[in-house]
Protein backbone atom coordinates (compact mmCIF):
# COMPACT_ATOMS: atom_id res chain seq x y z
CA MET A 1 102.55 -137.97 -92.50
CA LYS A 2 102.43 -137.40 -96.23
CA PHE A 3 102.92 -134.19 -98.20
CA THR A 4 102.83 -133.14 -101.83
CA THR A 5 103.08 -130.09 -104.11
CA LEU A 6 100.01 -129.09 -106.12
CA ARG A 7 99.92 -127.20 -109.40
CA LEU A 8 97.03 -124.75 -109.28
CA GLY A 9 96.93 -122.77 -112.51
CA ASP A 10 99.54 -120.04 -112.26
CA ARG A 11 100.76 -121.08 -108.82
CA THR A 12 101.80 -124.07 -106.75
CA ALA A 13 101.03 -124.92 -103.15
CA ALA A 14 102.35 -127.25 -100.47
CA ALA A 15 99.71 -129.69 -99.27
CA ARG A 16 99.27 -132.31 -96.60
CA VAL A 17 97.81 -135.62 -97.74
CA GLU A 18 94.91 -136.91 -95.68
CA GLY A 19 93.67 -140.18 -97.14
CA ASP A 20 92.58 -139.45 -100.71
CA THR A 21 92.65 -135.68 -100.22
CA ALA A 22 95.41 -133.07 -100.51
CA VAL A 23 94.80 -130.13 -98.18
CA GLU A 24 96.64 -126.90 -98.96
CA ILE A 25 99.05 -125.56 -96.34
CA GLU A 26 98.38 -121.88 -96.75
CA GLY A 27 101.31 -119.53 -97.17
CA TYR A 28 103.78 -122.05 -98.63
CA ALA A 29 104.48 -122.17 -102.36
CA ASP A 30 105.62 -125.79 -102.42
CA LEU A 31 107.08 -128.50 -100.21
CA GLY A 32 110.61 -127.19 -100.62
CA ASP A 33 109.45 -123.79 -99.41
CA LEU A 34 107.82 -125.43 -96.39
CA LEU A 35 111.00 -127.35 -95.51
CA ARG A 36 113.25 -124.32 -95.90
CA ARG A 37 111.04 -122.08 -93.75
CA GLY A 38 110.21 -124.46 -90.94
CA SER A 39 109.20 -128.00 -90.03
CA LEU A 40 106.53 -130.31 -91.38
CA ASP A 41 104.58 -129.93 -88.15
CA VAL A 42 102.12 -127.36 -89.54
CA GLU A 43 98.36 -127.31 -89.88
CA ALA A 44 96.71 -127.75 -93.26
CA THR A 45 93.55 -125.65 -93.30
CA GLY A 46 93.31 -124.52 -96.92
CA PRO A 47 91.24 -125.76 -99.87
CA ARG A 48 90.91 -129.51 -100.32
CA HIS A 49 91.68 -131.37 -103.56
CA ASP A 50 91.04 -134.92 -104.77
CA LEU A 51 94.50 -136.48 -104.81
CA ALA A 52 93.58 -138.85 -107.67
CA THR A 53 92.80 -136.00 -110.08
CA ALA A 54 95.05 -133.24 -108.75
CA ASP A 55 97.84 -131.87 -110.93
CA LEU A 56 100.95 -132.86 -108.97
CA ALA A 57 104.28 -131.13 -109.44
CA PRO A 58 107.61 -132.76 -108.59
CA VAL A 59 107.21 -133.16 -104.85
CA VAL A 60 110.11 -130.72 -104.30
CA PRO A 61 110.04 -128.69 -107.54
CA SER A 62 113.34 -126.81 -107.20
CA PRO A 63 115.82 -128.50 -104.88
CA GLY A 64 119.02 -126.63 -104.20
CA LYS A 65 120.90 -129.88 -104.80
CA ILE A 66 120.02 -133.23 -106.35
CA VAL A 67 122.73 -135.75 -105.50
CA CYS A 68 122.45 -139.15 -107.17
CA VAL A 69 124.10 -142.38 -106.12
CA GLY A 70 125.22 -144.95 -108.65
CA LEU A 71 125.83 -148.66 -108.09
CA ASN A 72 124.16 -148.89 -104.70
CA TYR A 73 122.10 -152.11 -105.00
CA ARG A 74 123.99 -155.36 -104.91
CA ASN A 75 122.02 -156.98 -107.72
CA HIS A 76 122.50 -153.97 -110.05
CA ILE A 77 126.24 -153.82 -109.34
CA LEU A 78 126.58 -157.48 -110.27
CA GLU A 79 124.47 -157.19 -113.44
CA MET A 80 126.70 -154.31 -114.59
CA GLY A 81 129.78 -156.52 -114.05
CA ARG A 82 131.32 -154.47 -111.22
CA GLU A 83 132.58 -155.13 -107.70
CA LEU A 84 130.87 -153.77 -104.59
CA PRO A 85 132.18 -150.23 -104.03
CA GLU A 86 134.13 -149.06 -101.00
CA TYR A 87 132.66 -145.56 -101.26
CA PRO A 88 129.46 -144.18 -102.82
CA THR A 89 129.55 -143.24 -106.49
CA LEU A 90 128.07 -139.74 -106.76
CA PHE A 91 126.85 -137.53 -109.58
CA ALA A 92 124.50 -134.57 -109.85
CA LYS A 93 121.21 -133.78 -111.53
CA TYR A 94 119.65 -130.36 -112.11
CA PRO A 95 116.09 -129.32 -111.20
CA GLU A 96 115.22 -128.84 -114.88
CA ALA A 97 115.29 -132.63 -115.22
CA LEU A 98 112.45 -133.10 -112.75
CA ILE A 99 108.85 -133.74 -113.79
CA GLY A 100 105.71 -134.54 -111.82
CA PRO A 101 104.59 -138.06 -110.96
CA ARG A 102 102.07 -138.12 -113.84
CA ASP A 103 103.87 -135.90 -116.36
CA GLU A 104 105.20 -137.05 -119.72
CA ILE A 105 108.83 -138.17 -120.05
CA VAL A 106 110.33 -136.27 -122.98
CA LEU A 107 112.49 -138.48 -125.21
CA PRO A 108 115.24 -136.34 -126.77
CA PRO A 109 115.87 -136.83 -130.50
CA GLU A 110 119.59 -137.05 -129.80
CA SER A 111 119.36 -140.36 -127.90
CA ASP A 112 117.93 -143.75 -128.85
CA LYS A 113 119.06 -145.51 -125.66
CA VAL A 114 116.77 -144.13 -122.96
CA ASP A 115 116.72 -146.40 -119.90
CA TRP A 116 114.78 -146.65 -116.63
CA GLU A 117 116.16 -146.62 -113.08
CA GLY A 118 113.56 -146.81 -110.31
CA GLU A 119 114.88 -145.28 -107.09
CA LEU A 120 114.07 -144.36 -103.51
CA ALA A 121 114.75 -140.64 -102.99
CA LEU A 122 115.28 -138.99 -99.64
CA VAL A 123 114.62 -135.33 -98.90
CA ILE A 124 116.61 -133.33 -96.36
CA GLY A 125 114.70 -131.48 -93.65
CA LYS A 126 117.51 -129.95 -91.55
CA THR A 127 120.80 -128.28 -92.41
CA VAL A 128 123.70 -130.65 -91.73
CA ARG A 129 127.45 -130.63 -92.28
CA ARG A 130 129.70 -133.53 -91.30
CA ALA A 131 126.70 -135.25 -89.76
CA SER A 132 127.00 -138.07 -87.28
CA ALA A 133 124.76 -141.08 -87.82
CA GLN A 134 122.27 -139.68 -85.32
CA GLU A 135 122.32 -136.24 -86.94
CA ALA A 136 121.98 -137.76 -90.40
CA GLU A 137 118.93 -139.77 -89.40
CA ALA A 138 117.30 -136.69 -87.85
CA ALA A 139 118.01 -134.66 -91.00
CA ILE A 140 115.91 -136.90 -93.27
CA ALA A 141 112.48 -135.27 -93.64
CA GLY A 142 111.11 -138.19 -95.62
CA TYR A 143 111.12 -140.27 -98.77
CA ALA A 144 109.66 -140.17 -102.28
CA VAL A 145 109.84 -142.18 -105.49
CA LEU A 146 112.13 -141.11 -108.34
CA ASN A 147 113.05 -142.63 -111.69
CA ASP A 148 116.53 -141.65 -112.87
CA VAL A 149 115.72 -141.95 -116.58
CA THR A 150 119.10 -142.18 -118.30
CA MET A 151 120.42 -141.63 -121.83
CA ARG A 152 122.89 -144.53 -121.89
CA ASP A 153 124.63 -143.49 -125.12
CA TYR A 154 125.46 -140.09 -123.62
CA GLN A 155 126.27 -141.58 -120.21
CA TYR A 156 129.03 -143.74 -121.65
CA ARG A 157 130.53 -141.19 -124.05
CA THR A 158 133.04 -140.43 -121.29
CA PRO A 159 134.02 -142.00 -117.93
CA GLN A 160 131.89 -139.33 -116.22
CA TRP A 161 128.17 -140.22 -116.22
CA PHE A 162 126.74 -136.72 -115.74
CA GLN A 163 125.79 -135.94 -119.34
CA GLY A 164 123.53 -138.98 -119.57
CA LYS A 165 121.71 -138.24 -116.34
CA THR A 166 120.19 -134.76 -116.34
CA TRP A 167 118.29 -134.24 -119.59
CA GLU A 168 115.42 -131.82 -119.18
CA ASP A 169 111.91 -133.11 -118.46
CA THR A 170 112.92 -136.73 -117.93
CA THR A 171 112.96 -137.49 -114.19
CA PRO A 172 109.61 -138.17 -112.47
CA PHE A 173 109.66 -137.41 -108.74
CA GLY A 174 106.85 -137.86 -106.21
CA PRO A 175 103.98 -138.46 -105.84
CA VAL A 176 104.30 -137.56 -102.15
CA LEU A 177 106.88 -137.11 -99.44
CA VAL A 178 106.36 -139.71 -96.72
CA THR A 179 107.90 -139.26 -93.27
CA PRO A 180 110.27 -142.09 -92.28
CA ASP A 181 107.84 -143.64 -89.80
CA GLU A 182 105.43 -144.40 -92.67
CA ILE A 183 107.82 -146.65 -94.62
CA PRO A 184 107.35 -150.41 -93.97
CA ASP A 185 110.51 -152.28 -92.98
CA ASP A 186 109.90 -154.71 -95.85
CA ALA A 187 109.03 -152.06 -98.47
CA VAL A 188 109.65 -153.14 -102.06
CA MET A 189 110.27 -151.04 -105.17
CA VAL A 190 108.80 -152.22 -108.49
CA THR A 191 109.35 -150.73 -111.95
CA ARG A 192 107.06 -151.71 -114.84
CA LEU A 193 106.98 -150.88 -118.53
CA ASP A 194 103.50 -151.14 -120.06
CA GLY A 195 102.62 -153.38 -117.13
CA GLU A 196 105.58 -155.73 -117.51
CA GLU A 197 107.59 -156.00 -114.31
CA LEU A 198 111.25 -155.14 -114.88
CA GLN A 199 112.60 -154.31 -111.41
CA ARG A 200 111.56 -155.65 -108.01
CA THR A 201 113.82 -155.22 -105.00
CA PRO A 202 113.48 -154.52 -101.27
CA ILE A 203 114.67 -150.98 -100.64
CA ASN A 204 116.75 -152.20 -97.69
CA ASP A 205 119.13 -154.00 -100.10
CA LEU A 206 121.22 -150.83 -100.43
CA VAL A 207 124.98 -151.07 -100.03
CA PHE A 208 125.00 -147.57 -98.50
CA SER A 209 121.90 -146.81 -96.43
CA PRO A 210 120.12 -143.43 -96.49
CA VAL A 211 121.72 -142.50 -93.15
CA ALA A 212 125.18 -143.50 -94.38
CA LEU A 213 124.66 -141.43 -97.54
CA VAL A 214 123.71 -138.32 -95.57
CA GLU A 215 126.77 -138.83 -93.36
CA TYR A 216 129.10 -139.23 -96.34
CA ILE A 217 127.69 -136.49 -98.59
CA SER A 218 127.44 -133.94 -95.77
CA THR A 219 131.16 -134.42 -95.19
CA ILE A 220 131.77 -132.96 -98.65
CA PHE A 221 129.27 -130.08 -98.53
CA THR A 222 126.38 -128.75 -96.49
CA LEU A 223 123.00 -130.37 -97.07
CA ASN A 224 120.08 -127.98 -96.71
CA PRO A 225 116.32 -128.43 -96.30
CA GLY A 226 114.76 -129.44 -99.61
CA ASP A 227 117.93 -131.04 -101.00
CA VAL A 228 117.37 -134.46 -102.57
CA ILE A 229 119.46 -137.63 -102.59
CA ALA A 230 118.49 -140.34 -105.08
CA THR A 231 119.78 -143.53 -103.49
CA GLY A 232 120.41 -145.69 -106.57
CA THR A 233 118.64 -148.31 -108.69
CA PRO A 234 118.39 -152.10 -108.35
CA GLY A 235 118.93 -154.70 -111.06
CA GLY A 236 116.65 -154.93 -114.07
CA VAL A 237 117.66 -151.90 -116.10
CA GLY A 238 117.24 -152.13 -119.86
CA HIS A 239 120.87 -151.51 -120.77
CA ALA A 240 122.02 -154.66 -118.93
CA ARG A 241 119.53 -156.95 -120.68
CA LYS A 242 120.46 -159.21 -123.58
CA PRO A 243 119.37 -157.89 -125.94
CA ALA A 244 119.28 -154.42 -124.45
CA ARG A 245 115.89 -152.70 -124.15
CA TYR A 246 115.07 -149.02 -124.04
CA LEU A 247 112.12 -146.72 -123.46
CA ALA A 248 110.09 -145.96 -126.59
CA GLU A 249 107.48 -143.39 -127.55
CA GLY A 250 104.03 -144.21 -126.21
CA GLN A 251 105.19 -146.59 -123.50
CA THR A 252 104.11 -146.08 -119.88
CA LEU A 253 106.76 -146.31 -117.19
CA THR A 254 105.51 -146.90 -113.64
CA THR A 255 107.59 -146.92 -110.47
CA THR A 256 106.07 -147.94 -107.13
CA ILE A 257 107.39 -148.15 -103.57
CA ASP A 258 105.33 -149.63 -100.75
CA GLY A 259 104.17 -146.98 -98.32
CA ILE A 260 104.87 -144.09 -100.69
CA GLY A 261 102.97 -144.51 -103.94
CA GLU A 262 103.40 -144.65 -107.70
CA LEU A 263 104.85 -142.65 -110.55
CA SER A 264 103.12 -143.23 -113.90
CA ASN A 265 104.66 -141.52 -116.91
CA VAL A 266 104.12 -141.84 -120.65
CA ALA A 267 107.12 -141.38 -122.92
CA VAL A 268 106.69 -138.82 -125.72
CA LYS A 269 108.95 -137.39 -128.38
CA ALA A 270 110.39 -133.94 -127.80
CA PRO A 271 108.42 -131.30 -129.72
CA VAL A 272 110.07 -130.11 -132.92
CA ALA A 273 110.94 -126.42 -132.88
CA ALA A 274 109.07 -124.22 -135.32
CA GLY A 275 110.81 -123.91 -138.68
CA VAL A 276 112.86 -127.08 -138.24
């Protein structure tokens, strides 16, 4: 099954994806609302929308938590000159960072080192604390695509990465939530900039699997329906290249995962405030 969140003028709506059509699930404001109030096993009987032209919000617009994992693909760890970690590296992101799968990425004037990080994101469907492996697997409602767009100059101002990771209007997330049974075993993630392939990695190359991450993170705090875990990026980021490369105004960043779909986002400069 596939689900998404539609923007419909002054409101949003949860929808079930049926082929090329998004069918509204009446009574639910968005996918997060659906997950928090029940299961995904609901009928979609509302208005129908062409998925190709629909205005898609972040698939879960306002997660209670967004937990991100750093250094979780072997090839990325090696390109950054680090050893494989014993435990997951965790940091947080706020919902204000999230944008839809076709929205513009806003480049802040304060940073000139904006980098890409294509990622598989998982969404929690059941409340869990100190989950066993079996409980962790059952708690995963599904998967989406996310790009953890990062301001590298701010990230490395201090040993803590947080300030480079959660700039507003920078993190595309979607286009749909896909239940685990829909993901091919050999699914590959690809990130492109203006059509040039920069990242290509099987999503099963993770050091810490999605189930292991839910187990570990739920030991620290309760994970609730609608919470998001971004599982980390593979090799190919701009900051590790020689010379380094960064996202520029007018460029189109696309991130694709087999079985889920594609994010396609144009980078734009932040609007200048009136009177400045």
